[in-house]
Amino acid sequence: MPYVSPTKYLKKKELLNSKRFYRLLSAQTNFIDPDTTMLFYVGMAMLITDELRKHNFVRLPILGDFCLVEQKPRVAWLGKLQAVIGTREVLKFYPNYHLRRYFNKRQGFPRYGEILPPKPIE
């Protein structure tokens, strides 16, 4: 059975389809036309793609860095066979320090039981 990404199941909930995404993005940018917002978004995606092809690295000022990192050759299952997969380039995202701190702060501090191992049974 082929792998099905979990986002396919989330389509039923109508969380964020493309029409709603561009409408929300245009609202965030002081209600410019959704078509203009789409053109800007597609232009930014093309810029990121071109920079990754040329330099294997893109730094977005507020978000973080996108890098194409070479993955080592490894053993993997190909159907019922076990084979060695050669080196591949993998897209990695390294978030900006402030963005990472913001989302870590939202999680709150770890509780006492999560830090220390459980007490031994006596």
PDB file of N, CA and C in Angstrom:
ATOM      1  N   MET A   1       0.838  -1.176   0.000  1.00  0.00           N
ATOM      2  CA  MET A   1       0.000   0.000   0.000  1.00  0.00           C
ATOM      3  C   MET A   1       0.887   1.244   0.000  1.00  0.00           C
ATOM      4  N   PRO A   2       0.656   2.183  -0.907  1.00  0.00           N
ATOM      5  CA  PRO A   2       1.508   3.369  -0.978  1.00  0.00           C
ATOM      6  C   PRO A   2       1.282   4.300   0.212  1.00  0.00           C
ATOM      7  N   TYR A   3       2.299   5.106   0.456  1.00  0.00           N
ATOM      8  CA  TYR A   3       2.224   6.073   1.554  1.00  0.00           C
ATOM      9  C   TYR A   3       1.313   7.227   1.161  1.00  0.00           C
ATOM     10  N   VAL A   4       0.421   7.603   2.043  1.00  0.00           N
ATOM     11  CA  VAL A   4      -0.467   8.740   1.828  1.00  0.00           C
ATOM     12  C   VAL A   4      -0.147   9.765   2.906  1.00  0.00           C
ATOM     13  N   SER A   5       0.153  10.978   2.482  1.00  0.00           N
ATOM     14  CA  SER A   5       0.514  12.002   3.460  1.00  0.00           C
ATOM     15  C   SER A   5      -0.692  12.370   4.316  1.00  0.00           C
ATOM     16  N   PRO A   6      -0.450  12.752   5.578  1.00  0.00           N
ATOM     17  CA  PRO A   6      -1.572  13.086   6.453  1.00  0.00           C
ATOM     18  C   PRO A   6      -2.325  14.341   6.021  1.00  0.00           C
ATOM     19  N   THR A   7      -1.727  15.156   5.152  1.00  0.00           N
ATOM     20  CA  THR A   7      -2.421  16.369   4.720  1.00  0.00           C
ATOM     21  C   THR A   7      -3.624  16.044   3.847  1.00  0.00           C
ATOM     22  N   LYS A   8      -3.622  14.867   3.233  1.00  0.00           N
ATOM     23  CA  LYS A   8      -4.764  14.489   2.412  1.00  0.00           C
ATOM     24  C   LYS A   8      -6.011  14.318   3.284  1.00  0.00           C
ATOM     25  N   TYR A   9      -5.827  13.789   4.493  1.00  0.00           N
ATOM     26  CA  TYR A   9      -6.957  13.613   5.394  1.00  0.00           C
ATOM     27  C   TYR A   9      -7.430  14.952   5.956  1.00  0.00           C
ATOM     28  N   LEU A  10      -6.534  15.918   6.071  1.00  0.00           N
ATOM     29  CA  LEU A  10      -6.902  17.219   6.618  1.00  0.00           C
ATOM     30  C   LEU A  10      -7.690  18.061   5.626  1.00  0.00           C
ATOM     31  N   LYS A  11      -7.741  17.642   4.348  1.00  0.00           N
ATOM     32  CA  LYS A  11      -8.501  18.395   3.354  1.00  0.00           C
ATOM     33  C   LYS A  11      -9.977  18.457   3.723  1.00  0.00           C
ATOM     34  N   LYS A  12     -10.472  17.409   4.364  1.00  0.00           N
ATOM     35  CA  LYS A  12     -11.883  17.373   4.724  1.00  0.00           C
ATOM     36  C   LYS A  12     -12.226  18.464   5.729  1.00  0.00           C
ATOM     37  N   LYS A  13     -11.265  18.856   6.535  1.00  0.00           N
ATOM     38  CA  LYS A  13     -11.518  19.859   7.563  1.00  0.00           C
ATOM     39  C   LYS A  13     -11.425  21.280   7.019  1.00  0.00           C
ATOM     40  N   GLU A  14     -10.969  21.446   5.791  1.00  0.00           N
ATOM     41  CA  GLU A  14     -10.820  22.769   5.173  1.00  0.00           C
ATOM     42  C   GLU A  14      -9.966  23.688   6.041  1.00  0.00           C
ATOM     43  N   LEU A  15      -8.818  23.192   6.474  1.00  0.00           N
ATOM     44  CA  LEU A  15      -7.964  23.984   7.339  1.00  0.00           C
ATOM     45  C   LEU A  15      -7.359  25.166   6.600  1.00  0.00           C
ATOM     46  N   LEU A  16      -6.659  24.910   5.507  1.00  0.00           N
ATOM     47  CA  LEU A  16      -6.029  26.018   4.787  1.00  0.00           C
ATOM     48  C   LEU A  16      -5.844  25.623   3.327  1.00  0.00           C
ATOM     49  N   ASN A  17      -6.891  25.794   2.538  1.00  0.00           N
ATOM     50  CA  ASN A  17      -6.743  25.548   1.111  1.00  0.00           C
ATOM     51  C   ASN A  17      -6.144  26.786   0.459  1.00  0.00           C
ATOM     52  N   SER A  18      -5.840  26.716  -0.822  1.00  0.00           N
ATOM     53  CA  SER A  18      -5.121  27.815  -1.471  1.00  0.00           C
ATOM     54  C   SER A  18      -5.948  29.104  -1.502  1.00  0.00           C
ATOM     55  N   LYS A  19      -7.249  29.003  -1.735  1.00  0.00           N
ATOM     56  CA  LYS A  19      -8.086  30.204  -1.796  1.00  0.00           C
ATOM     57  C   LYS A  19      -8.100  30.922  -0.445  1.00  0.00           C
ATOM     58  N   ARG A  20      -8.284  30.156   0.624  1.00  0.00           N
ATOM     59  CA  ARG A  20      -8.301  30.753   1.969  1.00  0.00           C
ATOM     60  C   ARG A  20      -6.926  31.304   2.340  1.00  0.00           C
ATOM     61  N   PHE A  21      -5.860  30.602   1.925  1.00  0.00           N
ATOM     62  CA  PHE A  21      -4.498  31.054   2.221  1.00  0.00           C
ATOM     63  C   PHE A  21      -4.234  32.434   1.627  1.00  0.00           C
ATOM     64  N   TYR A  22      -4.561  32.622   0.340  1.00  0.00           N
ATOM     65  CA  TYR A  22      -4.314  33.911  -0.307  1.00  0.00           C
ATOM     66  C   TYR A  22      -5.217  35.006   0.266  1.00  0.00           C
ATOM     67  N   ARG A  23      -6.436  34.647   0.657  1.00  0.00           N
ATOM     68  CA  ARG A  23      -7.324  35.637   1.263  1.00  0.00           C
ATOM     69  C   ARG A  23      -6.771  36.101   2.617  1.00  0.00           C
ATOM     70  N   LEU A  24      -6.284  35.164   3.440  1.00  0.00           N
ATOM     71  CA  LEU A  24      -5.709  35.534   4.734  1.00  0.00           C
ATOM     72  C   LEU A  24      -4.412  36.317   4.565  1.00  0.00           C
ATOM     73  N   LEU A  25      -3.610  35.927   3.571  1.00  0.00           N
ATOM     74  CA  LEU A  25      -2.360  36.644   3.329  1.00  0.00           C
ATOM     75  C   LEU A  25      -2.631  38.067   2.846  1.00  0.00           C
ATOM     76  N   SER A  26      -3.655  38.245   2.021  1.00  0.00           N
ATOM     77  CA  SER A  26      -3.989  39.604   1.579  1.00  0.00           C
ATOM     78  C   SER A  26      -4.528  40.430   2.743  1.00  0.00           C
ATOM     79  N   ALA A  27      -5.224  39.807   3.679  1.00  0.00           N
ATOM     80  CA  ALA A  27      -5.698  40.536   4.862  1.00  0.00           C
ATOM     81  C   ALA A  27      -4.523  40.959   5.738  1.00  0.00           C
ATOM     82  N   GLN A  28      -3.484  40.123   5.815  1.00  0.00           N
ATOM     83  CA  GLN A  28      -2.301  40.470   6.600  1.00  0.00           C
ATOM     84  C   GLN A  28      -1.518  41.614   5.971  1.00  0.00           C
ATOM     85  N   THR A  29      -1.624  41.775   4.668  1.00  0.00           N
ATOM     86  CA  THR A  29      -0.887  42.835   3.975  1.00  0.00           C
ATOM     87  C   THR A  29      -1.797  44.012   3.647  1.00  0.00           C
ATOM     88  N   ASN A  30      -2.660  44.347   4.575  1.00  0.00           N
ATOM     89  CA  ASN A  30      -3.513  45.526   4.477  1.00  0.00           C
ATOM     90  C   ASN A  30      -4.484  45.446   3.300  1.00  0.00           C
ATOM     91  N   PHE A  31      -5.041  44.275   3.068  1.00  0.00           N
ATOM     92  CA  PHE A  31      -6.093  44.037   2.091  1.00  0.00           C
ATOM     93  C   PHE A  31      -5.734  44.468   0.680  1.00  0.00           C
ATOM     94  N   ILE A  32      -4.578  44.009   0.201  1.00  0.00           N
ATOM     95  CA  ILE A  32      -4.307  44.179  -1.222  1.00  0.00           C
ATOM     96  C   ILE A  32      -5.038  43.070  -1.963  1.00  0.00           C
ATOM     97  N   ASP A  33      -5.119  43.178  -3.243  1.00  0.00           N
ATOM     98  CA  ASP A  33      -5.851  42.229  -4.069  1.00  0.00           C
ATOM     99  C   ASP A  33      -5.288  40.819  -3.883  1.00  0.00           C
ATOM    100  N   PRO A  34      -6.142  39.791  -3.691  1.00  0.00           N
ATOM    101  CA  PRO A  34      -5.633  38.419  -3.543  1.00  0.00           C
ATOM    102  C   PRO A  34      -4.816  37.941  -4.743  1.00  0.00           C
ATOM    103  N   ASP A  35      -5.131  38.422  -5.956  1.00  0.00           N
ATOM    104  CA  ASP A  35      -4.342  38.037  -7.130  1.00  0.00           C
ATOM    105  C   ASP A  35      -2.932  38.610  -7.043  1.00  0.00           C
ATOM    106  N   THR A  36      -2.812  39.848  -6.582  1.00  0.00           N
ATOM    107  CA  THR A  36      -1.492  40.453  -6.393  1.00  0.00           C
ATOM    108  C   THR A  36      -0.717  39.710  -5.318  1.00  0.00           C
ATOM    109  N   THR A  37      -1.419  39.310  -4.272  1.00  0.00           N
ATOM    110  CA  THR A  37      -0.784  38.530  -3.209  1.00  0.00           C
ATOM    111  C   THR A  37      -0.268  37.209  -3.755  1.00  0.00           C
ATOM    112  N   MET A  38      -1.069  36.559  -4.616  1.00  0.00           N
ATOM    113  CA  MET A  38      -0.641  35.297  -5.202  1.00  0.00           C
ATOM    114  C   MET A  38       0.603  35.492  -6.063  1.00  0.00           C
ATOM    115  N   LEU A  39       0.637  36.563  -6.860  1.00  0.00           N
ATOM    116  CA  LEU A  39       1.807  36.832  -7.699  1.00  0.00           C
ATOM    117  C   LEU A  39       3.052  37.074  -6.851  1.00  0.00           C
ATOM    118  N   PHE A  40       2.902  37.812  -5.766  1.00  0.00           N
ATOM    119  CA  PHE A  40       4.033  38.059  -4.873  1.00  0.00           C
ATOM    120  C   PHE A  40       4.527  36.758  -4.246  1.00  0.00           C
ATOM    121  N   TYR A  41       3.599  35.919  -3.802  1.00  0.00           N
ATOM    122  CA  TYR A  41       3.950  34.652  -3.155  1.00  0.00           C
ATOM    123  C   TYR A  41       4.652  33.710  -4.132  1.00  0.00           C
ATOM    124  N   VAL A  42       4.133  33.614  -5.346  1.00  0.00           N
ATOM    125  CA  VAL A  42       4.751  32.758  -6.364  1.00  0.00           C
ATOM    126  C   VAL A  42       6.124  33.299  -6.743  1.00  0.00           C
ATOM    127  N   GLY A  43       6.258  34.624  -6.831  1.00  0.00           N
ATOM    128  CA  GLY A  43       7.559  35.228  -7.120  1.00  0.00           C
ATOM    129  C   GLY A  43       8.582  34.921  -6.040  1.00  0.00           C
ATOM    130  N   MET A  44       8.143  34.961  -4.782  1.00  0.00           N
ATOM    131  CA  MET A  44       9.055  34.635  -3.690  1.00  0.00           C
ATOM    132  C   MET A  44       9.472  33.165  -3.743  1.00  0.00           C
ATOM    133  N   ALA A  45       8.529  32.279  -4.060  1.00  0.00           N
ATOM    134  CA  ALA A  45       8.856  30.857  -4.174  1.00  0.00           C
ATOM    135  C   ALA A  45       9.838  30.615  -5.317  1.00  0.00           C
ATOM    136  N   MET A  46       9.668  31.318  -6.438  1.00  0.00           N
ATOM    137  CA  MET A  46      10.595  31.168  -7.563  1.00  0.00           C
ATOM    138  C   MET A  46      11.979  31.696  -7.209  1.00  0.00           C
ATOM    139  N   LEU A  47      12.042  32.801  -6.465  1.00  0.00           N
ATOM    140  CA  LEU A  47      13.322  33.349  -6.025  1.00  0.00           C
ATOM    141  C   LEU A  47      14.058  32.357  -5.130  1.00  0.00           C
ATOM    142  N   ILE A  48      13.347  31.743  -4.201  1.00  0.00           N
ATOM    143  CA  ILE A  48      13.959  30.747  -3.310  1.00  0.00           C
ATOM    144  C   ILE A  48      14.465  29.564  -4.120  1.00  0.00           C
ATOM    145  N   THR A  49      13.672  29.103  -5.080  1.00  0.00           N
ATOM    146  CA  THR A  49      14.076  27.969  -5.914  1.00  0.00           C
ATOM    147  C   THR A  49      15.328  28.290  -6.720  1.00  0.00           C
ATOM    148  N   ASP A  50      15.376  29.471  -7.333  1.00  0.00           N
ATOM    149  CA  ASP A  50      16.542  29.858  -8.136  1.00  0.00           C
ATOM    150  C   ASP A  50      17.799  29.967  -7.284  1.00  0.00           C
ATOM    151  N   GLU A  51      17.681  30.573  -6.101  1.00  0.00           N
ATOM    152  CA  GLU A  51      18.848  30.708  -5.223  1.00  0.00           C
ATOM    153  C   GLU A  51      19.334  29.352  -4.725  1.00  0.00           C
ATOM    154  N   LEU A  52      18.407  28.437  -4.456  1.00  0.00           N
ATOM    155  CA  LEU A  52      18.820  27.095  -4.035  1.00  0.00           C
ATOM    156  C   LEU A  52      19.541  26.367  -5.162  1.00  0.00           C
ATOM    157  N   ARG A  53      19.088  26.551  -6.395  1.00  0.00           N
ATOM    158  CA  ARG A  53      19.766  25.910  -7.524  1.00  0.00           C
ATOM    159  C   ARG A  53      21.159  26.480  -7.740  1.00  0.00           C
ATOM    160  N   LYS A  54      21.317  27.799  -7.565  1.00  0.00           N
ATOM    161  CA  LYS A  54      22.616  28.435  -7.810  1.00  0.00           C
ATOM    162  C   LYS A  54      23.594  28.226  -6.665  1.00  0.00           C
ATOM    163  N   HIS A  55      23.139  28.489  -5.426  1.00  0.00           N
ATOM    164  CA  HIS A  55      24.065  28.545  -4.297  1.00  0.00           C
ATOM    165  C   HIS A  55      23.837  27.476  -3.230  1.00  0.00           C
ATOM    166  N   ASN A  56      22.791  26.661  -3.355  1.00  0.00           N
ATOM    167  CA  ASN A  56      22.432  25.646  -2.357  1.00  0.00           C
ATOM    168  C   ASN A  56      22.145  26.245  -0.987  1.00  0.00           C
ATOM    169  N   PHE A  57      21.855  27.526  -0.914  1.00  0.00           N
ATOM    170  CA  PHE A  57      21.619  28.188   0.370  1.00  0.00           C
ATOM    171  C   PHE A  57      20.787  29.448   0.144  1.00  0.00           C
ATOM    172  N   VAL A  58      19.767  29.660   0.977  1.00  0.00           N
ATOM    173  CA  VAL A  58      18.953  30.875   0.931  1.00  0.00           C
ATOM    174  C   VAL A  58      18.728  31.335   2.365  1.00  0.00           C
ATOM    175  N   ARG A  59      18.991  32.610   2.630  1.00  0.00           N
ATOM    176  CA  ARG A  59      18.714  33.183   3.948  1.00  0.00           C
ATOM    177  C   ARG A  59      17.537  34.137   3.817  1.00  0.00           C
ATOM    178  N   LEU A  60      16.434  33.788   4.488  1.00  0.00           N
ATOM    179  CA  LEU A  60      15.269  34.663   4.542  1.00  0.00           C
ATOM    180  C   LEU A  60      15.383  35.495   5.815  1.00  0.00           C
ATOM    181  N   PRO A  61      15.287  36.825   5.719  1.00  0.00           N
ATOM    182  CA  PRO A  61      15.647  37.705   6.834  1.00  0.00           C
ATOM    183  C   PRO A  61      14.976  37.405   8.169  1.00  0.00           C
ATOM    184  N   ILE A  62      13.705  37.150   8.229  1.00  0.00           N
ATOM    185  CA  ILE A  62      13.034  36.965   9.516  1.00  0.00           C
ATOM    186  C   ILE A  62      12.850  35.486   9.843  1.00  0.00           C
ATOM    187  N   LEU A  63      12.671  34.647   8.832  1.00  0.00           N
ATOM    188  CA  LEU A  63      12.333  33.247   9.075  1.00  0.00           C
ATOM    189  C   LEU A  63      13.531  32.368   9.407  1.00  0.00           C
ATOM    190  N   GLY A  64      14.535  32.344   8.548  1.00  0.00           N
ATOM    191  CA  GLY A  64      15.680  31.471   8.768  1.00  0.00           C
ATOM    192  C   GLY A  64      16.360  31.121   7.461  1.00  0.00           C
ATOM    193  N   ASP A  65      17.044  29.970   7.446  1.00  0.00           N
ATOM    194  CA  ASP A  65      17.848  29.559   6.300  1.00  0.00           C
ATOM    195  C   ASP A  65      17.318  28.260   5.709  1.00  0.00           C
ATOM    196  N   PHE A  66      17.263  28.209   4.373  1.00  0.00           N
ATOM    197  CA  PHE A  66      17.005  26.977   3.645  1.00  0.00           C
ATOM    198  C   PHE A  66      18.326  26.527   3.048  1.00  0.00           C
ATOM    199  N   CYS A  67      18.663  25.244   3.204  1.00  0.00           N
ATOM    200  CA  CYS A  67      19.919  24.710   2.672  1.00  0.00           C
ATOM    201  C   CYS A  67      19.648  23.394   1.958  1.00  0.00           C
ATOM    202  N   LEU A  68      20.409  23.152   0.902  1.00  0.00           N
ATOM    203  CA  LEU A  68      20.435  21.833   0.293  1.00  0.00           C
ATOM    204  C   LEU A  68      21.665  21.121   0.835  1.00  0.00           C
ATOM    205  N   VAL A  69      21.444  20.099   1.651  1.00  0.00           N
ATOM    206  CA  VAL A  69      22.521  19.377   2.314  1.00  0.00           C
ATOM    207  C   VAL A  69      22.636  18.001   1.678  1.00  0.00           C
ATOM    208  N   GLU A  70      23.864  17.556   1.443  1.00  0.00           N
ATOM    209  CA  GLU A  70      24.077  16.245   0.842  1.00  0.00           C
ATOM    210  C   GLU A  70      23.945  15.164   1.909  1.00  0.00           C
ATOM    211  N   GLN A  71      23.054  14.212   1.655  1.00  0.00           N
ATOM    212  CA  GLN A  71      22.836  13.114   2.589  1.00  0.00           C
ATOM    213  C   GLN A  71      23.769  11.963   2.229  1.00  0.00           C
ATOM    214  N   LYS A  72      24.304  11.298   3.236  1.00  0.00           N
ATOM    215  CA  LYS A  72      25.247  10.203   3.002  1.00  0.00           C
ATOM    216  C   LYS A  72      24.538   9.017   2.347  1.00  0.00           C
ATOM    217  N   PRO A  73      25.300   8.178   1.626  1.00  0.00           N
ATOM    218  CA  PRO A  73      24.683   6.953   1.104  1.00  0.00           C
ATOM    219  C   PRO A  73      24.264   6.056   2.261  1.00  0.00           C
ATOM    220  N   ARG A  74      23.148   5.354   2.081  1.00  0.00           N
ATOM    221  CA  ARG A  74      22.634   4.536   3.178  1.00  0.00           C
ATOM    222  C   ARG A  74      21.911   3.317   2.627  1.00  0.00           C
ATOM    223  N   VAL A  75      21.689   2.369   3.512  1.00  0.00           N
ATOM    224  CA  VAL A  75      20.961   1.156   3.162  1.00  0.00           C
ATOM    225  C   VAL A  75      19.479   1.412   3.404  1.00  0.00           C
ATOM    226  N   ALA A  76      18.632   1.028   2.444  1.00  0.00           N
ATOM    227  CA  ALA A  76      17.195   1.261   2.578  1.00  0.00           C
ATOM    228  C   ALA A  76      16.431   0.123   1.907  1.00  0.00           C
ATOM    229  N   TRP A  77      15.171   0.004   2.267  1.00  0.00           N
ATOM    230  CA  TRP A  77      14.303  -0.988   1.653  1.00  0.00           C
ATOM    231  C   TRP A  77      13.673  -0.399   0.399  1.00  0.00           C
ATOM    232  N   LEU A  78      13.800  -1.107  -0.717  1.00  0.00           N
ATOM    233  CA  LEU A  78      13.141  -0.740  -1.968  1.00  0.00           C
ATOM    234  C   LEU A  78      12.173  -1.865  -2.301  1.00  0.00           C
ATOM    235  N   GLY A  79      10.955  -1.736  -1.839  1.00  0.00           N
ATOM    236  CA  GLY A  79      10.000  -2.824  -1.971  1.00  0.00           C
ATOM    237  C   GLY A  79      10.401  -3.949  -1.042  1.00  0.00           C
ATOM    238  N   LYS A  80      10.721  -5.123  -1.620  1.00  0.00           N
ATOM    239  CA  LYS A  80      11.174  -6.250  -0.807  1.00  0.00           C
ATOM    240  C   LYS A  80      12.685  -6.387  -0.827  1.00  0.00           C
ATOM    241  N   LEU A  81      13.368  -5.528  -1.567  1.00  0.00           N
ATOM    242  CA  LEU A  81      14.825  -5.569  -1.649  1.00  0.00           C
ATOM    243  C   LEU A  81      15.446  -4.592  -0.671  1.00  0.00           C
ATOM    244  N   GLN A  82      16.632  -4.954  -0.219  1.00  0.00           N
ATOM    245  CA  GLN A  82      17.408  -4.022   0.578  1.00  0.00           C
ATOM    246  C   GLN A  82      18.578  -3.576  -0.293  1.00  0.00           C
ATOM    247  N   ALA A  83      18.673  -2.272  -0.543  1.00  0.00           N
ATOM    248  CA  ALA A  83      19.688  -1.759  -1.456  1.00  0.00           C
ATOM    249  C   ALA A  83      20.352  -0.529  -0.850  1.00  0.00           C
ATOM    250  N   VAL A  84      21.498  -0.162  -1.441  1.00  0.00           N
ATOM    251  CA  VAL A  84      22.206   1.036  -0.999  1.00  0.00           C
ATOM    252  C   VAL A  84      21.766   2.202  -1.878  1.00  0.00           C
ATOM    253  N   ILE A  85      21.250   3.237  -1.241  1.00  0.00           N
ATOM    254  CA  ILE A  85      20.851   4.447  -1.954  1.00  0.00           C
ATOM    255  C   ILE A  85      22.046   5.383  -1.944  1.00  0.00           C
ATOM    256  N   GLY A  86      22.369   5.948  -3.080  1.00  0.00           N
ATOM    257  CA  GLY A  86      23.511   6.854  -3.184  1.00  0.00           C
ATOM    258  C   GLY A  86      23.253   8.182  -2.487  1.00  0.00           C
ATOM    259  N   THR A  87      24.204   9.092  -2.633  1.00  0.00           N
ATOM    260  CA  THR A  87      24.053  10.407  -2.008  1.00  0.00           C
ATOM    261  C   THR A  87      22.909  11.170  -2.666  1.00  0.00           C
ATOM    262  N   ARG A  88      22.211  11.953  -1.859  1.00  0.00           N
ATOM    263  CA  ARG A  88      21.109  12.777  -2.343  1.00  0.00           C
ATOM    264  C   ARG A  88      21.178  14.132  -1.671  1.00  0.00           C
ATOM    265  N   GLU A  89      20.614  15.119  -2.334  1.00  0.00           N
ATOM    266  CA  GLU A  89      20.497  16.437  -1.720  1.00  0.00           C
ATOM    267  C   GLU A  89      19.138  16.534  -1.041  1.00  0.00           C
ATOM    268  N   VAL A  90      19.157  16.961   0.218  1.00  0.00           N
ATOM    269  CA  VAL A  90      17.949  17.057   1.026  1.00  0.00           C
ATOM    270  C   VAL A  90      17.760  18.513   1.431  1.00  0.00           C
ATOM    271  N   LEU A  91      16.528  18.999   1.372  1.00  0.00           N
ATOM    272  CA  LEU A  91      16.229  20.371   1.771  1.00  0.00           C
ATOM    273  C   LEU A  91      16.064  20.436   3.283  1.00  0.00           C
ATOM    274  N   LYS A  92      16.839  21.309   3.924  1.00  0.00           N
ATOM    275  CA  LYS A  92      16.775  21.503   5.376  1.00  0.00           C
ATOM    276  C   LYS A  92      16.395  22.948   5.657  1.00  0.00           C
ATOM    277  N   PHE A  93      15.695  23.151   6.755  1.00  0.00           N
ATOM    278  CA  PHE A  93      15.342  24.501   7.202  1.00  0.00           C
ATOM    279  C   PHE A  93      15.892  24.711   8.599  1.00  0.00           C
ATOM    280  N   TYR A  94      16.655  25.782   8.763  1.00  0.00           N
ATOM    281  CA  TYR A  94      17.205  26.151  10.058  1.00  0.00           C
ATOM    282  C   TYR A  94      16.545  27.464  10.471  1.00  0.00           C
ATOM    283  N   PRO A  95      15.639  27.426  11.467  1.00  0.00           N
ATOM    284  CA  PRO A  95      14.914  28.649  11.827  1.00  0.00           C
ATOM    285  C   PRO A  95      15.816  29.692  12.463  1.00  0.00           C
ATOM    286  N   ASN A  96      15.411  30.937  12.332  1.00  0.00           N
ATOM    287  CA  ASN A  96      16.113  32.050  12.940  1.00  0.00           C
ATOM    288  C   ASN A  96      16.040  31.916  14.465  1.00  0.00           C
ATOM    289  N   TYR A  97      17.029  32.465  15.145  1.00  0.00           N
ATOM    290  CA  TYR A  97      17.112  32.353  16.598  1.00  0.00           C
ATOM    291  C   TYR A  97      15.863  32.937  17.265  1.00  0.00           C
ATOM    292  N   HIS A  98      15.417  34.098  16.837  1.00  0.00           N
ATOM    293  CA  HIS A  98      14.262  34.747  17.461  1.00  0.00           C
ATOM    294  C   HIS A  98      12.968  33.980  17.172  1.00  0.00           C
ATOM    295  N   LEU A  99      12.832  33.452  15.970  1.00  0.00           N
ATOM    296  CA  LEU A  99      11.653  32.662  15.628  1.00  0.00           C
ATOM    297  C   LEU A  99      11.604  31.389  16.467  1.00  0.00           C
ATOM    298  N   ARG A 100      12.755  30.755  16.633  1.00  0.00           N
ATOM    299  CA  ARG A 100      12.827  29.534  17.437  1.00  0.00           C
ATOM    300  C   ARG A 100      12.488  29.819  18.896  1.00  0.00           C
ATOM    301  N   ARG A 101      13.017  30.923  19.430  1.00  0.00           N
ATOM    302  CA  ARG A 101      12.726  31.284  20.822  1.00  0.00           C
ATOM    303  C   ARG A 101      11.245  31.593  21.010  1.00  0.00           C
ATOM    304  N   TYR A 102      10.632  32.250  20.023  1.00  0.00           N
ATOM    305  CA  TYR A 102       9.213  32.587  20.118  1.00  0.00           C
ATOM    306  C   TYR A 102       8.368  31.323  20.238  1.00  0.00           C
ATOM    307  N   PHE A 103       8.624  30.335  19.375  1.00  0.00           N
ATOM    308  CA  PHE A 103       7.811  29.121  19.416  1.00  0.00           C
ATOM    309  C   PHE A 103       8.157  28.242  20.613  1.00  0.00           C
ATOM    310  N   ASN A 104       9.399  28.257  21.062  1.00  0.00           N
ATOM    311  CA  ASN A 104       9.743  27.504  22.266  1.00  0.00           C
ATOM    312  C   ASN A 104       9.093  28.123  23.496  1.00  0.00           C
ATOM    313  N   LYS A 105       8.973  29.442  23.516  1.00  0.00           N
ATOM    314  CA  LYS A 105       8.348  30.121  24.650  1.00  0.00           C
ATOM    315  C   LYS A 105       6.864  29.781  24.722  1.00  0.00           C
ATOM    316  N   ARG A 106       6.241  29.569  23.590  1.00  0.00           N
ATOM    317  CA  ARG A 106       4.817  29.214  23.572  1.00  0.00           C
ATOM    318  C   ARG A 106       4.560  27.858  24.197  1.00  0.00           C
ATOM    319  N   GLN A 107       5.544  26.962  24.180  1.00  0.00           N
ATOM    320  CA  GLN A 107       5.362  25.630  24.751  1.00  0.00           C
ATOM    321  C   GLN A 107       5.376  25.657  26.268  1.00  0.00           C
ATOM    322  N   GLY A 108       5.966  26.677  26.858  1.00  0.00           N
ATOM    323  CA  GLY A 108       6.041  26.756  28.310  1.00  0.00           C
ATOM    324  C   GLY A 108       7.247  25.995  28.833  1.00  0.00           C
ATOM    325  N   PHE A 109       7.439  26.084  30.140  1.00  0.00           N
ATOM    326  CA  PHE A 109       8.561  25.399  30.766  1.00  0.00           C
ATOM    327  C   PHE A 109       8.237  23.924  30.951  1.00  0.00           C
ATOM    328  N   PRO A 110       9.251  23.059  30.857  1.00  0.00           N
ATOM    329  CA  PRO A 110       8.981  21.641  31.094  1.00  0.00           C
ATOM    330  C   PRO A 110       8.618  21.405  32.558  1.00  0.00           C
ATOM    331  N   ARG A 111       7.744  20.448  32.783  1.00  0.00           N
ATOM    332  CA  ARG A 111       7.338  20.141  34.151  1.00  0.00           C
ATOM    333  C   ARG A 111       8.409  19.308  34.837  1.00  0.00           C
ATOM    334  N   TYR A 112       8.332  19.228  36.142  1.00  0.00           N
ATOM    335  CA  TYR A 112       9.326  18.544  36.960  1.00  0.00           C
ATOM    336  C   TYR A 112       9.483  17.080  36.545  1.00  0.00           C
ATOM    337  N   GLY A 113       8.387  16.408  36.284  1.00  0.00           N
ATOM    338  CA  GLY A 113       8.432  14.991  35.933  1.00  0.00           C
ATOM    339  C   GLY A 113       9.057  14.728  34.575  1.00  0.00           C
ATOM    340  N   GLU A 114       9.046  15.719  33.699  1.00  0.00           N
ATOM    341  CA  GLU A 114       9.619  15.532  32.372  1.00  0.00           C
ATOM    342  C   GLU A 114      11.130  15.682  32.378  1.00  0.00           C
ATOM    343  N   ILE A 115      11.673  16.389  33.378  1.00  0.00           N
ATOM    344  CA  ILE A 115      13.110  16.635  33.413  1.00  0.00           C
ATOM    345  C   ILE A 115      13.854  15.475  34.057  1.00  0.00           C
ATOM    346  N   LEU A 116      13.393  15.054  35.229  1.00  0.00           N
ATOM    347  CA  LEU A 116      14.089  14.018  35.982  1.00  0.00           C
ATOM    348  C   LEU A 116      13.527  12.645  35.649  1.00  0.00           C
ATOM    349  N   PRO A 117      14.366  11.613  35.737  1.00  0.00           N
ATOM    350  CA  PRO A 117      13.851  10.257  35.533  1.00  0.00           C
ATOM    351  C   PRO A 117      12.943   9.875  36.704  1.00  0.00           C
ATOM    352  N   PRO A 118      12.095   8.891  36.518  1.00  0.00           N
ATOM    353  CA  PRO A 118      11.189   8.513  37.607  1.00  0.00           C
ATOM    354  C   PRO A 118      11.960   7.972  38.812  1.00  0.00           C
ATOM    355  N   LYS A 119      11.360   8.117  39.984  1.00  0.00           N
ATOM    356  CA  LYS A 119      11.988   7.617  41.208  1.00  0.00           C
ATOM    357  C   LYS A 119      11.960   6.094  41.199  1.00  0.00           C
ATOM    358  N   PRO A 120      13.011   5.467  41.748  1.00  0.00           N
ATOM    359  CA  PRO A 120      13.016   3.997  41.783  1.00  0.00           C
ATOM    360  C   PRO A 120      11.945   3.464  42.734  1.00  0.00           C
ATOM    361  N   ILE A 121      11.449   2.295  42.408  1.00  0.00           N
ATOM    362  CA  ILE A 121      10.424   1.659  43.242  1.00  0.00           C
ATOM    363  C   ILE A 121      11.106   1.040  44.446  1.00  0.00           C
ATOM    364  N   GLU A 122      10.584   1.322  45.626  1.00  0.00           N
ATOM    365  CA  GLU A 122      11.184   0.775  46.859  1.00  0.00           C
ATOM    366  C   GLU A 122      10.397  -0.383  47.379  1.00  0.00           C
TER     367      GLU A 122
END
